[in-house]
Amino acid sequence: MSEKTTPATTEAPPSEAPPSDAVPGGAAPEDAAPDAGENATANDAGGAAAAGDAAADGQAAARAETPGGGRAAATGPVRVSPAVYKRLTTGLGGFTMAMGACLLLVAAIYLITPRSHQEVLPTVDYQSQLWAMRSDAPYTVYAPENLPPTWRPTSSRLHGLGEGKGPVAWHLGFVTPSDEYAALEQSNEKASEYVPRMTNNKKPIGTQQVDGVTWTKYHRKDKKANSLARTLPNGVSLVVTGTASYEELAVLAASLKPQPRTTGGVPVPTASPSNPS
């Protein structure tokens, strides 16, 4: 007679079961398992974030090393033209040195170049103006005769000639032997207006005899202007004025002679502008 065999069952020893207070807070072991998974997941996420940051830093460093933030080329050194190389390597210091050298060169040239502080006035030939006055002026014109060659004529101007019934004036300027200025001014303008304007003064300081003719003296101190003036019987005023001394002005006044009128033809230049015929 066969016997029925019953499978044996194995039970865990009581001493191997984990006590209920092994987990903090009295939680069951099944409750602690999800916490461990969450911690692992968090650790994996943190590692991934750290890895991403490291990759980003690496890309930024690569962009910093490559001009323009692009991908670094695998070629050799960049070759540029000599002109570009010079512009890239020459800075403010080189420019300053070049400018300083130029300024020193200009200063040296300025110092060694001879200069004259005296203005050289051109010599003029006033024969055409004298001829025009002798032909068309409404009065007999006066002009210097036999002035020494050291009297150099430098200016000659006519005013009002051929413009109608208004006053006609002639200005004739000289550089004197002492390098001063002297001028003959004559006009048929009203003497009470013309003479004060030409002498820069309304009050005379006396008279001076020039070859037996009385001239009235004027002086303007602030302009260093000396003047001799006289008015002819026909109303024409003659004024010699300038920075020249009264002695030199008297030489010019003594040389003034009336010029005969001309009725046509062309002016004939003389050998010396200061010795009109």
C-alpha atoms as a PDB file:
ATOM      1  CA  MET A   1       0.000   0.000   0.000  1.00  0.00           C
ATOM      2  CA  SER A   2       1.447   3.258  -1.193  1.00  0.00           C
ATOM      3  CA  GLU A   3       1.901   6.202   1.045  1.00  0.00           C
ATOM      4  CA  LYS A   4       0.887   9.750   0.056  1.00  0.00           C
ATOM      5  CA  THR A   5       3.831  12.090   0.197  1.00  0.00           C
ATOM      6  CA  THR A   6       3.214  15.661   1.279  1.00  0.00           C
ATOM      7  CA  PRO A   7       5.639  18.303  -0.075  1.00  0.00           C
ATOM      8  CA  ALA A   8       7.661  19.957   2.598  1.00  0.00           C
ATOM      9  CA  THR A   9       7.339  23.658   3.126  1.00  0.00           C
ATOM     10  CA  THR A  10      10.164  25.910   4.175  1.00  0.00           C
ATOM     11  CA  GLU A  11       9.553  28.807   6.499  1.00  0.00           C
ATOM     12  CA  ALA A  12      11.970  31.638   7.106  1.00  0.00           C
ATOM     13  CA  PRO A  13      13.380  31.572  10.526  1.00  0.00           C
ATOM     14  CA  PRO A  14      11.892  34.207  12.760  1.00  0.00           C
ATOM     15  CA  SER A  15      15.297  35.657  13.459  1.00  0.00           C
ATOM     16  CA  GLU A  16      15.821  36.545   9.734  1.00  0.00           C
ATOM     17  CA  ALA A  17      12.700  38.697   9.381  1.00  0.00           C
ATOM     18  CA  PRO A  18      13.538  42.358   9.572  1.00  0.00           C
ATOM     19  CA  PRO A  19      12.120  44.056  12.578  1.00  0.00           C
ATOM     20  CA  SER A  20       9.393  46.585  12.086  1.00  0.00           C
ATOM     21  CA  ASP A  21      11.509  49.376  13.577  1.00  0.00           C
ATOM     22  CA  ALA A  22      14.446  48.865  11.104  1.00  0.00           C
ATOM     23  CA  VAL A  23      13.068  51.600   8.834  1.00  0.00           C
ATOM     24  CA  PRO A  24      12.993  55.129  10.284  1.00  0.00           C
ATOM     25  CA  GLY A  25       9.553  56.340  11.127  1.00  0.00           C
ATOM     26  CA  GLY A  26       8.192  52.812  11.381  1.00  0.00           C
ATOM     27  CA  ALA A  27       7.570  52.584   7.626  1.00  0.00           C
ATOM     28  CA  ALA A  28       7.370  49.176   5.971  1.00  0.00           C
ATOM     29  CA  PRO A  29      10.247  48.031   3.830  1.00  0.00           C
ATOM     30  CA  GLU A  30       8.033  48.328   0.785  1.00  0.00           C
ATOM     31  CA  ASP A  31       7.634  52.069   1.492  1.00  0.00           C
ATOM     32  CA  ALA A  32      11.394  52.663   1.646  1.00  0.00           C
ATOM     33  CA  ALA A  33      12.067  51.212  -1.805  1.00  0.00           C
ATOM     34  CA  PRO A  34      10.469  54.057  -3.779  1.00  0.00           C
ATOM     35  CA  ASP A  35      12.658  56.584  -1.892  1.00  0.00           C
ATOM     36  CA  ALA A  36      15.803  54.829  -2.987  1.00  0.00           C
ATOM     37  CA  GLY A  37      14.640  54.944  -6.610  1.00  0.00           C
ATOM     38  CA  GLU A  38      13.875  58.599  -6.436  1.00  0.00           C
ATOM     39  CA  ASN A  39      17.349  59.294  -5.024  1.00  0.00           C
ATOM     40  CA  ALA A  40      18.925  57.370  -7.842  1.00  0.00           C
ATOM     41  CA  THR A  41      16.863  59.247 -10.385  1.00  0.00           C
ATOM     42  CA  ALA A  42      17.877  62.570  -8.807  1.00  0.00           C
ATOM     43  CA  ASN A  43      21.498  61.572  -8.868  1.00  0.00           C
ATOM     44  CA  ASP A  44      21.227  60.608 -12.522  1.00  0.00           C
ATOM     45  CA  ALA A  45      19.583  63.972 -13.335  1.00  0.00           C
ATOM     46  CA  GLY A  46      22.268  65.902 -11.462  1.00  0.00           C
ATOM     47  CA  GLY A  47      24.988  64.043 -13.277  1.00  0.00           C
ATOM     48  CA  ALA A  48      23.342  64.737 -16.604  1.00  0.00           C
ATOM     49  CA  ALA A  49      23.070  68.435 -15.748  1.00  0.00           C
ATOM     50  CA  ALA A  50      26.719  68.554 -14.733  1.00  0.00           C
ATOM     51  CA  ALA A  51      27.687  66.821 -17.922  1.00  0.00           C
ATOM     52  CA  GLY A  52      25.609  69.350 -19.928  1.00  0.00           C
ATOM     53  CA  ASP A  53      27.278  72.260 -18.167  1.00  0.00           C
ATOM     54  CA  ALA A  54      30.700  70.820 -18.869  1.00  0.00           C
ATOM     55  CA  ALA A  55      29.796  70.386 -22.535  1.00  0.00           C
ATOM     56  CA  ALA A  56      28.510  73.980 -22.720  1.00  0.00           C
ATOM     57  CA  ASP A  57      31.724  75.253 -21.131  1.00  0.00           C
ATOM     58  CA  GLY A  58      33.726  73.307 -23.648  1.00  0.00           C
ATOM     59  CA  GLN A  59      31.753  74.762 -26.561  1.00  0.00           C
ATOM     60  CA  ALA A  60      32.169  78.281 -25.169  1.00  0.00           C
ATOM     61  CA  ALA A  61      35.908  77.763 -24.832  1.00  0.00           C
ATOM     62  CA  ALA A  62      36.053  76.507 -28.395  1.00  0.00           C
ATOM     63  CA  ARG A  63      34.151  79.546 -29.619  1.00  0.00           C
ATOM     64  CA  ALA A  64      36.487  81.862 -27.634  1.00  0.00           C
ATOM     65  CA  GLU A  65      39.498  80.283 -29.270  1.00  0.00           C
ATOM     66  CA  THR A  66      38.005  80.602 -32.752  1.00  0.00           C
ATOM     67  CA  PRO A  67      37.549  84.191 -34.156  1.00  0.00           C
ATOM     68  CA  GLY A  68      33.866  84.997 -34.640  1.00  0.00           C
ATOM     69  CA  GLY A  69      32.678  82.121 -32.454  1.00  0.00           C
ATOM     70  CA  GLY A  70      32.735  79.713 -35.389  1.00  0.00           C
ATOM     71  CA  ARG A  71      34.361  76.395 -35.785  1.00  0.00           C
ATOM     72  CA  ALA A  72      38.145  76.462 -35.679  1.00  0.00           C
ATOM     73  CA  ALA A  73      39.726  75.845 -39.028  1.00  0.00           C
ATOM     74  CA  ALA A  74      42.149  73.026 -39.329  1.00  0.00           C
ATOM     75  CA  THR A  75      44.460  75.031 -41.620  1.00  0.00           C
ATOM     76  CA  GLY A  76      47.833  76.679 -40.836  1.00  0.00           C
ATOM     77  CA  PRO A  77      48.629  80.398 -40.090  1.00  0.00           C
ATOM     78  CA  VAL A  78      46.579  83.032 -41.940  1.00  0.00           C
ATOM     79  CA  ARG A  79      48.665  84.887 -44.537  1.00  0.00           C
ATOM     80  CA  VAL A  80      48.027  88.619 -45.156  1.00  0.00           C
ATOM     81  CA  SER A  81      49.529  91.142 -47.515  1.00  0.00           C
ATOM     82  CA  PRO A  82      52.460  93.336 -46.357  1.00  0.00           C
ATOM     83  CA  ALA A  83      50.211  96.402 -46.295  1.00  0.00           C
ATOM     84  CA  VAL A  84      47.649  94.717 -44.037  1.00  0.00           C
ATOM     85  CA  TYR A  85      50.448  93.387 -41.822  1.00  0.00           C
ATOM     86  CA  LYS A  86      51.884  96.863 -41.479  1.00  0.00           C
ATOM     87  CA  ARG A  87      48.500  98.340 -40.526  1.00  0.00           C
ATOM     88  CA  LEU A  88      47.932  95.578 -37.975  1.00  0.00           C
ATOM     89  CA  THR A  89      51.362  95.898 -36.375  1.00  0.00           C
ATOM     90  CA  THR A  90      51.747  99.686 -36.471  1.00  0.00           C
ATOM     91  CA  GLY A  91      50.020 101.300 -33.523  1.00  0.00           C
ATOM     92  CA  LEU A  92      49.607 104.761 -32.013  1.00  0.00           C
ATOM     93  CA  GLY A  93      53.233 104.844 -30.919  1.00  0.00           C
ATOM     94  CA  GLY A  94      54.554 104.569 -34.469  1.00  0.00           C
ATOM     95  CA  PHE A  95      52.120 107.219 -35.704  1.00  0.00           C
ATOM     96  CA  THR A  96      53.167 109.594 -32.919  1.00  0.00           C
ATOM     97  CA  MET A  97      56.852 109.109 -33.704  1.00  0.00           C
ATOM     98  CA  ALA A  98      56.238 109.782 -37.406  1.00  0.00           C
ATOM     99  CA  MET A  99      54.309 112.979 -36.672  1.00  0.00           C
ATOM    100  CA  GLY A 100      57.013 114.142 -34.264  1.00  0.00           C
ATOM    101  CA  ALA A 101      59.686 113.592 -36.905  1.00  0.00           C
ATOM    102  CA  CYS A 102      57.671 115.612 -39.453  1.00  0.00           C
ATOM    103  CA  LEU A 103      57.208 118.498 -36.995  1.00  0.00           C
ATOM    104  CA  LEU A 104      60.916 118.536 -36.193  1.00  0.00           C
ATOM    105  CA  LEU A 105      61.743 118.659 -39.896  1.00  0.00           C
ATOM    106  CA  VAL A 106      59.333 121.564 -40.484  1.00  0.00           C
ATOM    107  CA  ALA A 107      60.758 123.452 -37.495  1.00  0.00           C
ATOM    108  CA  ALA A 108      64.305 122.958 -38.743  1.00  0.00           C
ATOM    109  CA  ILE A 109      63.396 124.237 -42.210  1.00  0.00           C
ATOM    110  CA  TYR A 110      61.618 127.248 -40.687  1.00  0.00           C
ATOM    111  CA  LEU A 111      64.634 128.126 -38.538  1.00  0.00           C
ATOM    112  CA  ILE A 112      67.242 127.867 -41.286  1.00  0.00           C
ATOM    113  CA  THR A 113      65.208 129.637 -43.998  1.00  0.00           C
ATOM    114  CA  PRO A 114      66.154 133.335 -44.287  1.00  0.00           C
ATOM    115  CA  ARG A 115      63.189 135.672 -43.993  1.00  0.00           C
ATOM    116  CA  SER A 116      62.648 139.373 -44.466  1.00  0.00           C
ATOM    117  CA  HIS A 117      60.298 141.243 -42.148  1.00  0.00           C
ATOM    118  CA  GLN A 118      60.046 144.213 -44.512  1.00  0.00           C
ATOM    119  CA  GLU A 119      57.249 144.354 -47.057  1.00  0.00           C
ATOM    120  CA  VAL A 120      58.506 145.067 -50.562  1.00  0.00           C
ATOM    121  CA  LEU A 121      56.064 147.300 -52.445  1.00  0.00           C
ATOM    122  CA  PRO A 122      56.050 147.253 -56.240  1.00  0.00           C
ATOM    123  CA  THR A 123      57.168 150.260 -58.238  1.00  0.00           C
ATOM    124  CA  VAL A 124      54.441 151.715 -60.439  1.00  0.00           C
ATOM    125  CA  ASP A 125      54.479 153.909 -63.535  1.00  0.00           C
ATOM    126  CA  TYR A 126      51.891 156.649 -63.024  1.00  0.00           C
ATOM    127  CA  GLN A 127      52.300 158.296 -66.448  1.00  0.00           C
ATOM    128  CA  SER A 128      48.968 156.988 -67.752  1.00  0.00           C
ATOM    129  CA  GLN A 129      47.087 158.452 -64.745  1.00  0.00           C
ATOM    130  CA  LEU A 130      48.931 161.760 -65.162  1.00  0.00           C
ATOM    131  CA  TRP A 131      48.021 161.847 -68.842  1.00  0.00           C
ATOM    132  CA  ALA A 132      44.358 161.127 -68.020  1.00  0.00           C
ATOM    133  CA  MET A 133      44.300 163.950 -65.465  1.00  0.00           C
ATOM    134  CA  ARG A 134      45.928 166.376 -67.901  1.00  0.00           C
ATOM    135  CA  SER A 135      43.345 165.442 -70.525  1.00  0.00           C
ATOM    136  CA  ASP A 136      40.065 165.170 -68.624  1.00  0.00           C
ATOM    137  CA  ALA A 137      40.365 166.690 -65.145  1.00  0.00           C
ATOM    138  CA  PRO A 138      38.234 169.820 -64.619  1.00  0.00           C
ATOM    139  CA  TYR A 139      41.270 171.658 -63.204  1.00  0.00           C
ATOM    140  CA  THR A 140      45.001 171.988 -63.813  1.00  0.00           C
ATOM    141  CA  VAL A 141      46.695 169.013 -62.220  1.00  0.00           C
ATOM    142  CA  TYR A 142      49.921 169.219 -60.195  1.00  0.00           C
ATOM    143  CA  ALA A 143      52.585 166.519 -60.390  1.00  0.00           C
ATOM    144  CA  PRO A 144      56.109 166.078 -58.991  1.00  0.00           C
ATOM    145  CA  GLU A 145      59.041 166.997 -61.178  1.00  0.00           C
ATOM    146  CA  ASN A 146      62.735 166.224 -60.729  1.00  0.00           C
ATOM    147  CA  LEU A 147      62.315 164.101 -57.610  1.00  0.00           C
ATOM    148  CA  PRO A 148      65.485 162.153 -56.777  1.00  0.00           C
ATOM    149  CA  PRO A 149      65.506 158.507 -57.942  1.00  0.00           C
ATOM    150  CA  THR A 150      65.433 157.417 -54.286  1.00  0.00           C
ATOM    151  CA  TRP A 151      61.779 158.469 -54.227  1.00  0.00           C
ATOM    152  CA  ARG A 152      60.028 155.328 -55.465  1.00  0.00           C
ATOM    153  CA  PRO A 153      56.366 155.580 -56.614  1.00  0.00           C
ATOM    154  CA  THR A 154      54.334 152.654 -55.270  1.00  0.00           C
ATOM    155  CA  SER A 155      50.681 153.591 -55.855  1.00  0.00           C
ATOM    156  CA  SER A 156      48.530 155.722 -58.129  1.00  0.00           C
ATOM    157  CA  ARG A 157      44.715 155.973 -58.111  1.00  0.00           C
ATOM    158  CA  LEU A 158      42.138 158.222 -59.780  1.00  0.00           C
ATOM    159  CA  HIS A 159      38.699 158.947 -58.324  1.00  0.00           C
ATOM    160  CA  GLY A 160      35.722 160.521 -60.050  1.00  0.00           C
ATOM    161  CA  LEU A 161      37.362 161.134 -63.414  1.00  0.00           C
ATOM    162  CA  GLY A 162      34.792 160.907 -66.225  1.00  0.00           C
ATOM    163  CA  GLU A 163      31.887 160.325 -63.804  1.00  0.00           C
ATOM    164  CA  GLY A 164      30.097 163.651 -64.280  1.00  0.00           C
ATOM    165  CA  LYS A 165      30.148 166.829 -62.230  1.00  0.00           C
ATOM    166  CA  GLY A 166      31.442 165.321 -59.001  1.00  0.00           C
ATOM    167  CA  PRO A 167      34.877 166.025 -57.532  1.00  0.00           C
ATOM    168  CA  VAL A 168      37.929 164.497 -59.181  1.00  0.00           C
ATOM    169  CA  ALA A 169      40.849 163.302 -57.041  1.00  0.00           C
ATOM    170  CA  TRP A 170      44.288 161.805 -57.653  1.00  0.00           C
ATOM    171  CA  HIS A 171      46.345 159.840 -55.147  1.00  0.00           C
ATOM    172  CA  LEU A 172      50.059 159.295 -55.754  1.00  0.00           C
ATOM    173  CA  GLY A 173      52.120 157.408 -53.129  1.00  0.00           C
ATOM    174  CA  PHE A 174      55.888 157.124 -52.632  1.00  0.00           C
ATOM    175  CA  VAL A 175      58.446 155.350 -50.497  1.00  0.00           C
ATOM    176  CA  THR A 176      60.882 158.018 -49.349  1.00  0.00           C
ATOM    177  CA  PRO A 177      64.693 157.704 -49.114  1.00  0.00           C
ATOM    178  CA  SER A 178      64.316 156.979 -45.371  1.00  0.00           C
ATOM    179  CA  ASP A 179      61.861 154.127 -46.115  1.00  0.00           C
ATOM    180  CA  GLU A 180      58.886 156.133 -44.898  1.00  0.00           C
ATOM    181  CA  TYR A 181      55.616 156.774 -46.688  1.00  0.00           C
ATOM    182  CA  ALA A 182      54.604 160.018 -48.384  1.00  0.00           C
ATOM    183  CA  ALA A 183      51.668 160.720 -50.671  1.00  0.00           C
ATOM    184  CA  LEU A 184      50.300 163.495 -52.813  1.00  0.00           C
ATOM    185  CA  GLU A 185      46.526 163.948 -52.515  1.00  0.00           C
ATOM    186  CA  GLN A 186      44.745 166.529 -54.685  1.00  0.00           C
ATOM    187  CA  SER A 187      41.095 167.187 -55.480  1.00  0.00           C
ATOM    188  CA  ASN A 188      38.612 169.919 -56.340  1.00  0.00           C
ATOM    189  CA  GLU A 189      36.372 168.713 -53.508  1.00  0.00           C
ATOM    190  CA  LYS A 190      35.335 171.344 -50.973  1.00  0.00           C
ATOM    191  CA  ALA A 191      38.510 172.165 -49.014  1.00  0.00           C
ATOM    192  CA  SER A 192      36.790 172.290 -45.620  1.00  0.00           C
ATOM    193  CA  GLU A 193      35.844 168.621 -46.067  1.00  0.00           C
ATOM    194  CA  TYR A 194      38.711 167.263 -48.135  1.00  0.00           C
ATOM    195  CA  VAL A 195      41.703 168.612 -46.196  1.00  0.00           C
ATOM    196  CA  PRO A 196      40.606 167.345 -42.720  1.00  0.00           C
ATOM    197  CA  ARG A 197      39.868 163.917 -44.191  1.00  0.00           C
ATOM    198  CA  MET A 198      43.282 163.648 -45.880  1.00  0.00           C
ATOM    199  CA  THR A 199      45.235 164.985 -42.878  1.00  0.00           C
ATOM    200  CA  ASN A 200      43.210 163.033 -40.259  1.00  0.00           C
ATOM    201  CA  ASN A 201      42.964 166.249 -38.275  1.00  0.00           C
ATOM    202  CA  LYS A 202      40.830 169.373 -38.234  1.00  0.00           C
ATOM    203  CA  LYS A 203      43.185 171.574 -36.208  1.00  0.00           C
ATOM    204  CA  PRO A 204      46.464 172.786 -37.751  1.00  0.00           C
ATOM    205  CA  ILE A 205      49.559 173.074 -35.606  1.00  0.00           C
ATOM    206  CA  GLY A 206      51.223 175.888 -37.574  1.00  0.00           C
ATOM    207  CA  THR A 207      52.607 176.721 -40.991  1.00  0.00           C
ATOM    208  CA  GLN A 208      55.744 175.926 -42.980  1.00  0.00           C
ATOM    209  CA  GLN A 209      57.366 177.802 -45.846  1.00  0.00           C
ATOM    210  CA  VAL A 210      58.309 175.706 -48.882  1.00  0.00           C
ATOM    211  CA  ASP A 211      60.062 177.627 -51.646  1.00  0.00           C
ATOM    212  CA  GLY A 212      58.320 180.826 -50.587  1.00  0.00           C
ATOM    213  CA  VAL A 213      54.869 179.202 -50.464  1.00  0.00           C
ATOM    214  CA  THR A 214      53.009 178.834 -47.179  1.00  0.00           C
ATOM    215  CA  TRP A 215      51.726 175.357 -46.306  1.00  0.00           C
ATOM    216  CA  THR A 216      49.599 174.529 -43.268  1.00  0.00           C
ATOM    217  CA  LYS A 217      50.990 171.853 -40.943  1.00  0.00           C
ATOM    218  CA  TYR A 218      48.937 169.046 -39.386  1.00  0.00           C
ATOM    219  CA  HIS A 219      49.915 166.197 -37.087  1.00  0.00           C
ATOM    220  CA  ARG A 220      48.068 163.066 -35.956  1.00  0.00           C
ATOM    221  CA  LYS A 221      50.046 161.500 -33.104  1.00  0.00           C
ATOM    222  CA  ASP A 222      48.176 158.195 -32.766  1.00  0.00           C
ATOM    223  CA  LYS A 223      48.598 157.469 -36.481  1.00  0.00           C
ATOM    224  CA  LYS A 224      52.075 158.987 -36.774  1.00  0.00           C
ATOM    225  CA  ALA A 225      50.798 161.145 -39.622  1.00  0.00           C
ATOM    226  CA  ASN A 226      52.453 164.389 -40.667  1.00  0.00           C
ATOM    227  CA  SER A 227      50.779 166.592 -43.290  1.00  0.00           C
ATOM    228  CA  LEU A 228      51.312 169.794 -45.265  1.00  0.00           C
ATOM    229  CA  ALA A 229      48.299 171.282 -47.076  1.00  0.00           C
ATOM    230  CA  ARG A 230      47.445 174.282 -49.208  1.00  0.00           C
ATOM    231  CA  THR A 231      44.374 175.335 -51.199  1.00  0.00           C
ATOM    232  CA  LEU A 232      44.861 176.995 -54.586  1.00  0.00           C
ATOM    233  CA  PRO A 233      42.862 180.046 -55.731  1.00  0.00           C
ATOM    234  CA  ASN A 234      40.732 177.842 -58.020  1.00  0.00           C
ATOM    235  CA  GLY A 235      39.613 175.744 -55.040  1.00  0.00           C
ATOM    236  CA  VAL A 236      41.877 172.748 -55.688  1.00  0.00           C
ATOM    237  CA  SER A 237      43.525 171.388 -52.541  1.00  0.00           C
ATOM    238  CA  LEU A 238      47.028 169.881 -52.451  1.00  0.00           C
ATOM    239  CA  VAL A 239      47.994 167.699 -49.475  1.00  0.00           C
ATOM    240  CA  VAL A 240      51.292 165.901 -48.909  1.00  0.00           C
ATOM    241  CA  THR A 241      50.944 163.466 -46.045  1.00  0.00           C
ATOM    242  CA  GLY A 242      52.393 160.287 -44.541  1.00  0.00           C
ATOM    243  CA  THR A 243      54.796 158.919 -41.960  1.00  0.00           C
ATOM    244  CA  ALA A 244      57.681 160.839 -43.506  1.00  0.00           C
ATOM    245  CA  SER A 245      59.179 163.783 -41.649  1.00  0.00           C
ATOM    246  CA  TYR A 246      58.193 167.354 -42.436  1.00  0.00           C
ATOM    247  CA  GLU A 247      61.572 167.794 -44.139  1.00  0.00           C
ATOM    248  CA  GLU A 248      60.853 164.976 -46.598  1.00  0.00           C
ATOM    249  CA  LEU A 249      57.272 166.166 -47.089  1.00  0.00           C
ATOM    250  CA  ALA A 250      58.683 169.594 -47.945  1.00  0.00           C
ATOM    251  CA  VAL A 251      60.846 167.983 -50.671  1.00  0.00           C
ATOM    252  CA  LEU A 252      57.735 166.445 -52.234  1.00  0.00           C
ATOM    253  CA  ALA A 253      55.749 169.674 -51.902  1.00  0.00           C
ATOM    254  CA  ALA A 254      58.529 171.704 -53.544  1.00  0.00           C
ATOM    255  CA  SER A 255      58.584 169.341 -56.550  1.00  0.00           C
ATOM    256  CA  LEU A 256      54.886 169.830 -57.395  1.00  0.00           C
ATOM    257  CA  LYS A 257      54.406 171.785 -60.623  1.00  0.00           C
ATOM    258  CA  PRO A 258      51.274 172.531 -62.687  1.00  0.00           C
ATOM    259  CA  GLN A 259      50.975 170.330 -65.767  1.00  0.00           C
ATOM    260  CA  PRO A 260      49.787 171.689 -69.131  1.00  0.00           C
ATOM    261  CA  ARG A 261      46.567 170.288 -70.439  1.00  0.00           C
ATOM    262  CA  THR A 262      46.564 167.820 -73.311  1.00  0.00           C
ATOM    263  CA  THR A 263      43.827 167.520 -75.899  1.00  0.00           C
ATOM    264  CA  GLY A 264      44.558 164.098 -77.388  1.00  0.00           C
ATOM    265  CA  GLY A 265      47.186 161.555 -78.296  1.00  0.00           C
ATOM    266  CA  VAL A 266      48.602 158.863 -76.070  1.00  0.00           C
ATOM    267  CA  PRO A 267      50.854 159.241 -73.030  1.00  0.00           C
ATOM    268  CA  VAL A 268      54.556 158.960 -73.707  1.00  0.00           C
ATOM    269  CA  PRO A 269      56.371 157.164 -70.837  1.00  0.00           C
ATOM    270  CA  THR A 270      59.455 158.874 -69.470  1.00  0.00           C
ATOM    271  CA  ALA A 271      62.705 157.324 -68.356  1.00  0.00           C
ATOM    272  CA  SER A 272      61.801 157.787 -64.680  1.00  0.00           C
ATOM    273  CA  PRO A 273      58.215 157.623 -63.324  1.00  0.00           C
ATOM    274  CA  SER A 274      59.058 160.295 -60.785  1.00  0.00           C
ATOM    275  CA  ASN A 275      60.274 162.730 -63.431  1.00  0.00           C
ATOM    276  CA  PRO A 276      57.221 163.346 -65.645  1.00  0.00           C
ATOM    277  CA  SER A 277      57.587 165.705 -68.564  1.00  0.00           C
END
